[in-house]
Amino acid sequence: MEKKEKKAEEKSAENQNAEQKDNAQQENAETAEEVKTEAAPKTPEERIAELEAQIEQLKKDALYKAAENDNWRKRMMQQKEDAVAYANESLLCDLLDSLDNFDRTVEAAKDIKEAKSIVDGVKMINKSLVSMLENKYNLAAFGKEGDDFDPELHEAIGMQEGDVKKEKLLQVYLKGYKLKDRIIRHAKVMVVKPAEK
């Protein structure tokens, strides 16, 4: 009984292998037929027509790419122009608060008899404006009386001799300003230098 079952299993396996071989041969034959069909020689006219169609497609693709690049360039130029035209918008919006405060101070000054309250109002506006420029825009003032003179930072508009060991700022006519690390205005100063012996 076991021998019969074994023989039946072997026969079944042989049949499956034979069936698989037949299927593989049939697929190979179909693939070979497709290759023959694809590889069938074309007439020169057919080949020329095919190449002309490819050339036309390449021309269309090149024109499309050129137009796309041109549009991109125009968009970038427009964005650059807008950035330059409106670069100071944020700063100007921040300055409007200070202008409004000046307007209020001037309006209030009409009815005030003593100048101290006006001076206090102007000092408050100055303090808030300086604070906003320093904190938001990295604008820093420099140049105080008594500081060492540095020709990289200060512009001397006059010099005097005095009892000092090295050149110092005697008087500051205009503060200097730095935007981050770049000097945007040198301080205009009077310098005191050591007396010649």
N, C-alpha and C. Protein backbone atom coordinates (compact mmCIF):
# COMPACT_ATOMS: atom_id res chain seq x y z
N MET A 1 0.82 -1.18 0.00
CA MET A 1 0.00 0.00 0.00
C MET A 1 0.87 1.25 0.00
N GLU A 2 1.87 1.22 0.87
CA GLU A 2 2.76 2.37 0.95
C GLU A 2 3.51 2.56 -0.35
N LYS A 3 3.90 1.45 -1.00
CA LYS A 3 4.62 1.55 -2.28
C LYS A 3 3.75 2.20 -3.33
N LYS A 4 2.47 1.83 -3.35
CA LYS A 4 1.56 2.41 -4.35
C LYS A 4 1.42 3.92 -4.12
N GLU A 5 1.29 4.31 -2.84
CA GLU A 5 1.16 5.74 -2.52
C GLU A 5 2.41 6.50 -2.93
N LYS A 6 3.58 5.87 -2.65
CA LYS A 6 4.86 6.49 -3.01
C LYS A 6 4.97 6.66 -4.50
N LYS A 7 4.59 5.63 -5.26
CA LYS A 7 4.67 5.70 -6.72
C LYS A 7 3.71 6.76 -7.24
N ALA A 8 2.53 6.87 -6.62
CA ALA A 8 1.54 7.87 -7.05
C ALA A 8 2.09 9.28 -6.81
N GLU A 9 2.75 9.45 -5.64
CA GLU A 9 3.33 10.76 -5.33
C GLU A 9 4.44 11.11 -6.31
N GLU A 10 5.31 10.12 -6.62
CA GLU A 10 6.40 10.36 -7.56
C GLU A 10 5.85 10.71 -8.94
N LYS A 11 4.79 9.99 -9.35
CA LYS A 11 4.19 10.25 -10.66
C LYS A 11 3.58 11.65 -10.68
N SER A 12 2.95 12.04 -9.58
CA SER A 12 2.33 13.37 -9.49
C SER A 12 3.41 14.45 -9.57
N ALA A 13 4.53 14.23 -8.89
CA ALA A 13 5.63 15.19 -8.92
C ALA A 13 6.21 15.29 -10.32
N GLU A 14 6.35 14.13 -11.00
CA GLU A 14 6.87 14.14 -12.37
C GLU A 14 5.93 14.91 -13.29
N ASN A 15 4.64 14.70 -13.11
CA ASN A 15 3.65 15.42 -13.94
C ASN A 15 3.74 16.93 -13.72
N GLN A 16 3.91 17.33 -12.44
CA GLN A 16 4.02 18.76 -12.15
C GLN A 16 5.27 19.34 -12.80
N ASN A 17 6.40 18.63 -12.69
CA ASN A 17 7.65 19.11 -13.31
C ASN A 17 7.50 19.23 -14.81
N ALA A 18 6.86 18.24 -15.41
CA ALA A 18 6.66 18.27 -16.87
C ALA A 18 5.77 19.45 -17.25
N GLU A 19 4.73 19.68 -16.44
CA GLU A 19 3.82 20.80 -16.72
C GLU A 19 4.54 22.13 -16.61
N GLN A 20 5.39 22.26 -15.58
CA GLN A 20 6.17 23.49 -15.40
C GLN A 20 7.11 23.71 -16.57
N LYS A 21 7.75 22.63 -17.05
CA LYS A 21 8.66 22.76 -18.20
C LYS A 21 7.90 23.22 -19.43
N ASP A 22 6.70 22.64 -19.64
CA ASP A 22 5.89 23.03 -20.80
C ASP A 22 5.52 24.51 -20.73
N ASN A 23 5.12 24.96 -19.54
CA ASN A 23 4.75 26.38 -19.36
C ASN A 23 5.93 27.29 -19.63
N ALA A 24 7.11 26.91 -19.11
CA ALA A 24 8.31 27.72 -19.30
C ALA A 24 8.68 27.77 -20.78
N GLN A 25 8.58 26.63 -21.47
CA GLN A 25 8.90 26.61 -22.91
C GLN A 25 7.93 27.49 -23.69
N GLN A 26 6.68 27.46 -23.28
CA GLN A 26 5.67 28.26 -23.99
C GLN A 26 5.95 29.75 -23.78
N GLU A 27 6.28 30.14 -22.53
CA GLU A 27 6.60 31.55 -22.25
C GLU A 27 7.82 31.99 -23.03
N ASN A 28 8.86 31.13 -23.07
CA ASN A 28 10.07 31.45 -23.83
C ASN A 28 9.76 31.63 -25.31
N ALA A 29 8.90 30.81 -25.81
CA ALA A 29 8.53 30.91 -27.23
C ALA A 29 7.80 32.22 -27.50
N GLU A 30 6.88 32.60 -26.57
CA GLU A 30 6.14 33.87 -26.74
C GLU A 30 7.09 35.05 -26.68
N THR A 31 8.03 35.03 -25.71
CA THR A 31 9.00 36.12 -25.58
C THR A 31 9.87 36.22 -26.82
N ALA A 32 10.31 35.08 -27.33
CA ALA A 32 11.13 35.07 -28.54
C ALA A 32 10.34 35.64 -29.71
N GLU A 33 9.06 35.34 -29.77
CA GLU A 33 8.21 35.85 -30.86
C GLU A 33 8.08 37.37 -30.75
N GLU A 34 7.91 37.88 -29.48
CA GLU A 34 7.82 39.33 -29.28
C GLU A 34 9.11 40.01 -29.69
N VAL A 35 10.25 39.41 -29.30
CA VAL A 35 11.55 39.99 -29.66
C VAL A 35 11.71 40.02 -31.16
N LYS A 36 11.30 38.93 -31.82
CA LYS A 36 11.39 38.90 -33.28
C LYS A 36 10.54 39.99 -33.89
N THR A 37 9.33 40.15 -33.31
CA THR A 37 8.41 41.17 -33.84
C THR A 37 9.01 42.56 -33.64
N GLU A 38 9.57 42.82 -32.41
CA GLU A 38 10.16 44.12 -32.13
C GLU A 38 11.41 44.35 -32.97
N ALA A 39 12.19 43.32 -33.14
CA ALA A 39 13.46 43.46 -33.84
C ALA A 39 13.31 43.36 -35.35
N ALA A 40 12.07 43.26 -35.80
CA ALA A 40 11.87 43.17 -37.24
C ALA A 40 12.46 44.41 -37.89
N PRO A 41 13.21 44.26 -38.92
CA PRO A 41 13.87 45.41 -39.54
C PRO A 41 12.83 46.41 -40.08
N LYS A 42 13.15 47.70 -39.85
CA LYS A 42 12.27 48.77 -40.30
C LYS A 42 12.83 49.33 -41.60
N THR A 43 11.92 49.84 -42.37
CA THR A 43 12.36 50.46 -43.62
C THR A 43 13.01 51.80 -43.27
N PRO A 44 13.86 52.29 -44.14
CA PRO A 44 14.50 53.58 -43.87
C PRO A 44 13.46 54.70 -43.66
N GLU A 45 12.37 54.65 -44.41
CA GLU A 45 11.35 55.69 -44.27
C GLU A 45 10.72 55.64 -42.87
N GLU A 46 10.47 54.42 -42.37
CA GLU A 46 9.90 54.27 -41.03
C GLU A 46 10.87 54.79 -39.97
N ARG A 47 12.13 54.45 -40.16
CA ARG A 47 13.15 54.90 -39.20
C ARG A 47 13.28 56.42 -39.20
N ILE A 48 13.26 57.03 -40.40
CA ILE A 48 13.33 58.49 -40.52
C ILE A 48 12.13 59.14 -39.83
N ALA A 49 10.95 58.60 -40.09
CA ALA A 49 9.74 59.14 -39.47
C ALA A 49 9.82 59.04 -37.94
N GLU A 50 10.32 57.92 -37.45
CA GLU A 50 10.46 57.72 -36.01
C GLU A 50 11.43 58.74 -35.41
N LEU A 51 12.58 58.94 -36.09
CA LEU A 51 13.58 59.89 -35.60
C LEU A 51 13.06 61.33 -35.66
N GLU A 52 12.31 61.66 -36.72
CA GLU A 52 11.74 63.01 -36.81
C GLU A 52 10.74 63.25 -35.69
N ALA A 53 9.98 62.24 -35.33
CA ALA A 53 9.02 62.36 -34.22
C ALA A 53 9.77 62.58 -32.91
N GLN A 54 10.88 61.86 -32.73
CA GLN A 54 11.69 62.05 -31.52
C GLN A 54 12.27 63.46 -31.47
N ILE A 55 12.74 63.95 -32.61
CA ILE A 55 13.30 65.31 -32.69
C ILE A 55 12.24 66.34 -32.32
N GLU A 56 11.04 66.18 -32.86
CA GLU A 56 9.93 67.10 -32.56
C GLU A 56 9.64 67.10 -31.06
N GLN A 57 9.62 65.91 -30.47
CA GLN A 57 9.33 65.81 -29.03
C GLN A 57 10.42 66.49 -28.21
N LEU A 58 11.68 66.30 -28.63
CA LEU A 58 12.80 66.94 -27.92
C LEU A 58 12.73 68.46 -28.05
N LYS A 59 12.33 68.95 -29.24
CA LYS A 59 12.17 70.40 -29.42
C LYS A 59 11.10 70.94 -28.48
N LYS A 60 9.97 70.23 -28.41
CA LYS A 60 8.88 70.66 -27.52
C LYS A 60 9.35 70.69 -26.07
N ASP A 61 10.08 69.63 -25.67
CA ASP A 61 10.58 69.57 -24.30
C ASP A 61 11.54 70.72 -24.02
N ALA A 62 12.42 71.03 -24.98
CA ALA A 62 13.39 72.11 -24.80
C ALA A 62 12.68 73.45 -24.69
N LEU A 63 11.68 73.68 -25.53
CA LEU A 63 10.92 74.94 -25.46
C LEU A 63 10.19 75.07 -24.12
N TYR A 64 9.62 73.97 -23.66
CA TYR A 64 8.92 73.97 -22.39
C TYR A 64 9.86 74.32 -21.24
N LYS A 65 11.05 73.69 -21.26
CA LYS A 65 12.04 73.96 -20.21
C LYS A 65 12.52 75.41 -20.27
N ALA A 66 12.74 75.93 -21.48
CA ALA A 66 13.19 77.31 -21.63
C ALA A 66 12.13 78.27 -21.08
N ALA A 67 10.86 78.01 -21.41
CA ALA A 67 9.78 78.86 -20.91
C ALA A 67 9.68 78.78 -19.39
N GLU A 68 9.84 77.58 -18.86
CA GLU A 68 9.78 77.38 -17.40
C GLU A 68 10.91 78.15 -16.71
N ASN A 69 12.12 78.08 -17.29
CA ASN A 69 13.26 78.81 -16.72
C ASN A 69 13.05 80.31 -16.79
N ASP A 70 12.50 80.78 -17.90
CA ASP A 70 12.24 82.21 -18.07
C ASP A 70 11.21 82.69 -17.04
N ASN A 71 10.16 81.92 -16.83
CA ASN A 71 9.15 82.28 -15.83
C ASN A 71 9.75 82.29 -14.43
N TRP A 72 10.59 81.32 -14.13
CA TRP A 72 11.24 81.27 -12.82
C TRP A 72 12.12 82.50 -12.61
N ARG A 73 12.89 82.86 -13.64
CA ARG A 73 13.77 84.03 -13.55
C ARG A 73 12.96 85.30 -13.31
N LYS A 74 11.83 85.44 -14.03
CA LYS A 74 10.97 86.62 -13.84
C LYS A 74 10.39 86.66 -12.43
N ARG A 75 9.99 85.49 -11.91
CA ARG A 75 9.45 85.44 -10.54
C ARG A 75 10.51 85.86 -9.52
N MET A 76 11.74 85.37 -9.72
CA MET A 76 12.83 85.71 -8.79
C MET A 76 13.14 87.21 -8.84
N MET A 77 13.14 87.79 -10.05
CA MET A 77 13.40 89.22 -10.18
C MET A 77 12.31 90.03 -9.48
N GLN A 78 11.06 89.61 -9.64
CA GLN A 78 9.95 90.31 -9.00
C GLN A 78 10.05 90.22 -7.48
N GLN A 79 10.40 89.04 -6.97
CA GLN A 79 10.56 88.88 -5.52
C GLN A 79 11.70 89.75 -4.99
N LYS A 80 12.78 89.84 -5.77
CA LYS A 80 13.91 90.67 -5.36
C LYS A 80 13.52 92.14 -5.33
N GLU A 81 12.80 92.58 -6.37
CA GLU A 81 12.34 93.97 -6.41
C GLU A 81 11.43 94.27 -5.23
N ASP A 82 10.52 93.35 -4.92
CA ASP A 82 9.62 93.55 -3.78
C ASP A 82 10.40 93.60 -2.47
N ALA A 83 11.39 92.72 -2.35
CA ALA A 83 12.19 92.70 -1.12
C ALA A 83 12.93 94.02 -0.92
N VAL A 84 13.47 94.58 -2.01
CA VAL A 84 14.17 95.87 -1.91
C VAL A 84 13.18 96.99 -1.63
N ALA A 85 12.05 96.99 -2.33
CA ALA A 85 11.08 98.07 -2.19
C ALA A 85 10.46 98.11 -0.79
N TYR A 86 10.26 96.95 -0.19
CA TYR A 86 9.57 96.89 1.10
C TYR A 86 10.47 96.40 2.23
N ALA A 87 11.77 96.52 2.05
CA ALA A 87 12.72 96.01 3.05
C ALA A 87 12.57 96.70 4.39
N ASN A 88 12.21 97.98 4.38
CA ASN A 88 12.14 98.74 5.63
C ASN A 88 10.75 98.77 6.23
N GLU A 89 9.83 98.01 5.68
CA GLU A 89 8.44 98.05 6.14
C GLU A 89 8.33 97.74 7.64
N SER A 90 9.00 96.70 8.09
CA SER A 90 8.92 96.31 9.50
C SER A 90 9.47 97.41 10.40
N LEU A 91 10.61 97.97 10.03
CA LEU A 91 11.22 99.04 10.82
C LEU A 91 10.28 100.25 10.88
N LEU A 92 9.74 100.62 9.73
CA LEU A 92 8.87 101.80 9.69
C LEU A 92 7.61 101.59 10.53
N CYS A 93 7.06 100.40 10.50
CA CYS A 93 5.89 100.11 11.33
C CYS A 93 6.24 100.26 12.81
N ASP A 94 7.44 99.82 13.19
CA ASP A 94 7.86 99.96 14.58
C ASP A 94 8.10 101.43 14.95
N LEU A 95 8.56 102.21 14.00
CA LEU A 95 8.80 103.64 14.27
C LEU A 95 7.50 104.43 14.41
N LEU A 96 6.41 103.91 13.86
CA LEU A 96 5.13 104.62 13.95
C LEU A 96 4.69 104.82 15.39
N ASP A 97 4.98 103.87 16.27
CA ASP A 97 4.64 104.04 17.70
C ASP A 97 5.34 105.26 18.28
N SER A 98 6.61 105.42 17.95
CA SER A 98 7.35 106.57 18.46
C SER A 98 6.80 107.87 17.88
N LEU A 99 6.44 107.86 16.60
CA LEU A 99 5.85 109.06 16.00
C LEU A 99 4.53 109.42 16.68
N ASP A 100 3.72 108.39 16.95
CA ASP A 100 2.45 108.63 17.65
C ASP A 100 2.70 109.23 19.02
N ASN A 101 3.71 108.72 19.73
CA ASN A 101 4.03 109.27 21.06
C ASN A 101 4.51 110.71 20.97
N PHE A 102 5.29 111.03 19.94
CA PHE A 102 5.71 112.43 19.75
C PHE A 102 4.49 113.32 19.49
N ASP A 103 3.58 112.83 18.66
CA ASP A 103 2.35 113.61 18.39
C ASP A 103 1.58 113.88 19.68
N ARG A 104 1.45 112.85 20.52
CA ARG A 104 0.73 113.02 21.80
C ARG A 104 1.45 114.03 22.69
N THR A 105 2.78 113.97 22.71
CA THR A 105 3.56 114.89 23.55
C THR A 105 3.39 116.32 23.07
N VAL A 106 3.44 116.52 21.76
CA VAL A 106 3.26 117.86 21.21
C VAL A 106 1.85 118.37 21.51
N GLU A 107 0.87 117.51 21.38
CA GLU A 107 -0.52 117.89 21.66
C GLU A 107 -0.70 118.25 23.14
N ALA A 108 -0.11 117.45 24.00
CA ALA A 108 -0.21 117.72 25.45
C ALA A 108 0.56 118.97 25.84
N ALA A 109 1.63 119.31 25.11
CA ALA A 109 2.46 120.46 25.45
C ALA A 109 1.72 121.78 25.30
N LYS A 110 0.65 121.80 24.53
CA LYS A 110 -0.11 123.04 24.32
C LYS A 110 -0.69 123.55 25.63
N ASP A 111 -1.12 122.66 26.49
CA ASP A 111 -1.81 123.05 27.72
C ASP A 111 -0.91 123.02 28.95
N ILE A 112 0.32 122.56 28.82
CA ILE A 112 1.19 122.42 29.98
C ILE A 112 2.02 123.69 30.15
N LYS A 113 2.10 124.12 31.42
CA LYS A 113 2.84 125.36 31.71
C LYS A 113 4.31 125.09 32.02
N GLU A 114 4.61 123.95 32.65
CA GLU A 114 6.01 123.70 32.99
C GLU A 114 6.63 122.68 32.02
N ALA A 115 7.88 122.90 31.71
CA ALA A 115 8.57 122.12 30.68
C ALA A 115 9.00 120.74 31.17
N LYS A 116 9.05 120.53 32.48
CA LYS A 116 9.55 119.25 33.00
C LYS A 116 8.73 118.07 32.50
N SER A 117 7.43 118.18 32.48
CA SER A 117 6.60 117.06 32.03
C SER A 117 6.82 116.77 30.54
N ILE A 118 7.06 117.82 29.74
CA ILE A 118 7.34 117.62 28.31
C ILE A 118 8.69 116.92 28.15
N VAL A 119 9.68 117.35 28.91
CA VAL A 119 11.01 116.75 28.87
C VAL A 119 10.93 115.28 29.28
N ASP A 120 10.16 115.00 30.32
CA ASP A 120 9.99 113.61 30.77
C ASP A 120 9.34 112.76 29.67
N GLY A 121 8.33 113.33 29.00
CA GLY A 121 7.67 112.61 27.91
C GLY A 121 8.63 112.31 26.76
N VAL A 122 9.45 113.29 26.40
CA VAL A 122 10.43 113.10 25.32
C VAL A 122 11.47 112.06 25.73
N LYS A 123 11.88 112.08 26.99
CA LYS A 123 12.85 111.09 27.48
C LYS A 123 12.27 109.68 27.40
N MET A 124 10.99 109.55 27.76
CA MET A 124 10.35 108.23 27.69
C MET A 124 10.28 107.73 26.24
N ILE A 125 9.95 108.63 25.32
CA ILE A 125 9.89 108.24 23.90
C ILE A 125 11.27 107.83 23.42
N ASN A 126 12.28 108.61 23.79
CA ASN A 126 13.66 108.29 23.40
C ASN A 126 14.07 106.92 23.93
N LYS A 127 13.76 106.66 25.19
CA LYS A 127 14.13 105.39 25.82
C LYS A 127 13.46 104.22 25.11
N SER A 128 12.17 104.33 24.82
CA SER A 128 11.46 103.22 24.15
C SER A 128 11.97 103.02 22.72
N LEU A 129 12.28 104.13 22.03
CA LEU A 129 12.80 104.03 20.66
C LEU A 129 14.16 103.35 20.65
N VAL A 130 15.06 103.77 21.53
CA VAL A 130 16.40 103.18 21.61
C VAL A 130 16.30 101.70 21.96
N SER A 131 15.44 101.38 22.92
CA SER A 131 15.27 99.99 23.34
C SER A 131 14.78 99.13 22.18
N MET A 132 13.80 99.63 21.43
CA MET A 132 13.27 98.87 20.28
C MET A 132 14.36 98.65 19.23
N LEU A 133 15.13 99.68 18.92
CA LEU A 133 16.19 99.55 17.90
C LEU A 133 17.29 98.59 18.35
N GLU A 134 17.63 98.64 19.63
CA GLU A 134 18.67 97.73 20.14
C GLU A 134 18.19 96.29 20.17
N ASN A 135 17.01 96.06 20.73
CA ASN A 135 16.53 94.69 20.94
C ASN A 135 16.03 94.02 19.67
N LYS A 136 15.35 94.76 18.82
CA LYS A 136 14.73 94.14 17.65
C LYS A 136 15.62 94.21 16.41
N TYR A 137 16.43 95.26 16.29
CA TYR A 137 17.20 95.46 15.06
C TYR A 137 18.71 95.40 15.27
N ASN A 138 19.15 95.11 16.49
CA ASN A 138 20.58 95.00 16.81
C ASN A 138 21.36 96.26 16.47
N LEU A 139 20.74 97.41 16.66
CA LEU A 139 21.41 98.69 16.44
C LEU A 139 21.94 99.15 17.79
N ALA A 140 23.24 99.37 17.88
CA ALA A 140 23.85 99.75 19.16
C ALA A 140 24.62 101.05 19.00
N ALA A 141 24.41 101.95 19.96
CA ALA A 141 25.13 103.22 19.96
C ALA A 141 26.47 103.03 20.68
N PHE A 142 27.46 103.83 20.29
CA PHE A 142 28.75 103.81 21.01
C PHE A 142 29.34 105.20 20.99
N GLY A 143 30.27 105.42 21.90
CA GLY A 143 30.94 106.70 22.02
C GLY A 143 30.45 107.48 23.23
N LYS A 144 31.21 107.38 24.34
CA LYS A 144 30.89 108.13 25.56
C LYS A 144 32.13 108.91 25.98
N GLU A 145 31.90 110.02 26.61
CA GLU A 145 33.04 110.80 27.12
C GLU A 145 33.84 109.93 28.08
N GLY A 146 35.16 109.97 27.91
CA GLY A 146 36.04 109.17 28.76
C GLY A 146 36.48 107.86 28.12
N ASP A 147 35.79 107.41 27.07
CA ASP A 147 36.20 106.19 26.35
C ASP A 147 37.55 106.42 25.68
N ASP A 148 38.29 105.33 25.46
CA ASP A 148 39.54 105.42 24.69
C ASP A 148 39.21 105.77 23.25
N PHE A 149 40.07 106.60 22.64
CA PHE A 149 39.88 106.96 21.23
C PHE A 149 40.31 105.80 20.35
N ASP A 150 39.45 105.43 19.42
CA ASP A 150 39.74 104.35 18.46
C ASP A 150 39.40 104.88 17.07
N PRO A 151 40.42 105.09 16.23
CA PRO A 151 40.14 105.65 14.90
C PRO A 151 39.25 104.76 14.02
N GLU A 152 39.13 103.48 14.39
CA GLU A 152 38.22 102.59 13.66
C GLU A 152 36.76 102.91 13.97
N LEU A 153 36.52 103.45 15.16
CA LEU A 153 35.16 103.73 15.61
C LEU A 153 34.82 105.22 15.62
N HIS A 154 35.82 106.03 15.89
CA HIS A 154 35.58 107.46 16.12
C HIS A 154 36.19 108.33 15.02
N GLU A 155 35.51 109.41 14.74
CA GLU A 155 36.04 110.40 13.80
C GLU A 155 36.35 111.66 14.60
N ALA A 156 37.63 111.95 14.72
CA ALA A 156 38.05 113.10 15.52
C ALA A 156 37.83 114.38 14.72
N ILE A 157 37.07 115.31 15.30
CA ILE A 157 36.87 116.59 14.61
C ILE A 157 37.69 117.69 15.29
N GLY A 158 38.44 117.29 16.29
CA GLY A 158 39.33 118.23 16.97
C GLY A 158 40.13 117.50 18.03
N MET A 159 41.29 118.09 18.40
CA MET A 159 42.15 117.48 19.42
C MET A 159 42.67 118.56 20.35
N GLN A 160 42.82 118.16 21.60
CA GLN A 160 43.42 119.04 22.61
C GLN A 160 44.42 118.22 23.40
N GLU A 161 45.37 118.93 24.00
CA GLU A 161 46.30 118.24 24.90
C GLU A 161 45.72 118.30 26.29
N GLY A 162 46.01 117.27 27.06
CA GLY A 162 45.50 117.25 28.42
C GLY A 162 46.30 116.30 29.28
N ASP A 163 45.88 116.18 30.52
CA ASP A 163 46.57 115.34 31.48
C ASP A 163 46.02 113.91 31.39
N VAL A 164 46.37 113.22 30.32
CA VAL A 164 45.94 111.83 30.10
C VAL A 164 47.14 111.01 29.64
N LYS A 165 47.08 109.71 29.88
CA LYS A 165 48.17 108.83 29.46
C LYS A 165 48.00 108.39 28.01
N LYS A 166 46.75 108.26 27.58
CA LYS A 166 46.50 107.95 26.16
C LYS A 166 45.27 108.70 25.70
N GLU A 167 45.07 108.71 24.39
CA GLU A 167 43.99 109.51 23.82
C GLU A 167 42.63 109.03 24.31
N LYS A 168 41.80 110.00 24.73
CA LYS A 168 40.46 109.72 25.26
C LYS A 168 39.46 110.64 24.57
N LEU A 169 38.19 110.27 24.70
CA LEU A 169 37.12 111.12 24.16
C LEU A 169 36.81 112.20 25.19
N LEU A 170 37.01 113.45 24.79
CA LEU A 170 36.73 114.58 25.67
C LEU A 170 35.26 114.96 25.56
N GLN A 171 34.78 114.96 24.35
CA GLN A 171 33.38 115.33 24.12
C GLN A 171 32.85 114.54 22.92
N VAL A 172 31.58 114.13 22.98
CA VAL A 172 30.96 113.39 21.88
C VAL A 172 29.91 114.30 21.25
N TYR A 173 30.13 114.67 19.99
CA TYR A 173 29.18 115.54 19.29
C TYR A 173 28.04 114.71 18.68
N LEU A 174 28.39 113.58 18.10
CA LEU A 174 27.38 112.66 17.55
C LEU A 174 27.78 111.24 17.92
N LYS A 175 26.83 110.48 18.47
CA LYS A 175 27.11 109.08 18.79
C LYS A 175 27.36 108.30 17.50
N GLY A 176 28.13 107.24 17.64
CA GLY A 176 28.30 106.30 16.53
C GLY A 176 27.31 105.16 16.68
N TYR A 177 27.05 104.46 15.57
CA TYR A 177 26.10 103.34 15.61
C TYR A 177 26.65 102.15 14.85
N LYS A 178 26.39 100.97 15.45
CA LYS A 178 26.74 99.70 14.80
C LYS A 178 25.45 98.94 14.54
N LEU A 179 25.37 98.35 13.37
CA LEU A 179 24.28 97.42 13.06
C LEU A 179 24.92 96.04 13.09
N LYS A 180 24.60 95.28 14.14
CA LYS A 180 25.28 94.02 14.44
C LYS A 180 26.77 94.30 14.58
N ASP A 181 27.62 93.82 13.66
CA ASP A 181 29.06 94.07 13.78
C ASP A 181 29.55 95.15 12.82
N ARG A 182 28.67 95.71 12.02
CA ARG A 182 29.09 96.68 11.02
C ARG A 182 28.84 98.11 11.52
N ILE A 183 29.85 98.95 11.39
CA ILE A 183 29.68 100.36 11.76
C ILE A 183 28.91 101.05 10.65
N ILE A 184 27.79 101.67 11.03
CA ILE A 184 27.02 102.40 10.02
C ILE A 184 27.19 103.91 10.16
N ARG A 185 27.70 104.35 11.32
CA ARG A 185 28.09 105.75 11.48
C ARG A 185 29.16 105.85 12.55
N HIS A 186 30.28 106.50 12.20
CA HIS A 186 31.34 106.72 13.17
C HIS A 186 30.92 107.84 14.13
N ALA A 187 31.37 107.73 15.36
CA ALA A 187 31.08 108.78 16.34
C ALA A 187 31.95 109.99 16.02
N LYS A 188 31.37 111.17 16.07
CA LYS A 188 32.12 112.42 15.85
C LYS A 188 32.47 112.97 17.23
N VAL A 189 33.79 113.09 17.46
CA VAL A 189 34.25 113.36 18.83
C VAL A 189 35.38 114.39 18.88
N MET A 190 35.51 114.99 20.07
CA MET A 190 36.67 115.81 20.40
C MET A 190 37.59 114.94 21.23
N VAL A 191 38.87 114.91 20.90
CA VAL A 191 39.82 114.00 21.54
C VAL A 191 40.80 114.79 22.39
N VAL A 192 41.08 114.23 23.56
CA VAL A 192 42.15 114.79 24.41
C VAL A 192 43.32 113.82 24.32
N LYS A 193 44.51 114.39 24.06
CA LYS A 193 45.70 113.53 23.91
C LYS A 193 46.74 113.93 24.96
N PRO A 194 47.71 113.04 25.22
CA PRO A 194 48.75 113.36 26.21
C PRO A 194 49.56 114.59 25.77
N ALA A 195 49.88 115.39 26.74
CA ALA A 195 50.68 116.59 26.44
C ALA A 195 52.08 116.20 26.02
N GLU A 196 52.60 116.92 25.03
CA GLU A 196 53.97 116.64 24.57
C GLU A 196 54.95 117.17 25.58
N LYS A 197 56.03 116.41 25.84
CA LYS A 197 57.02 116.83 26.84
C LYS A 197 58.25 117.38 26.18
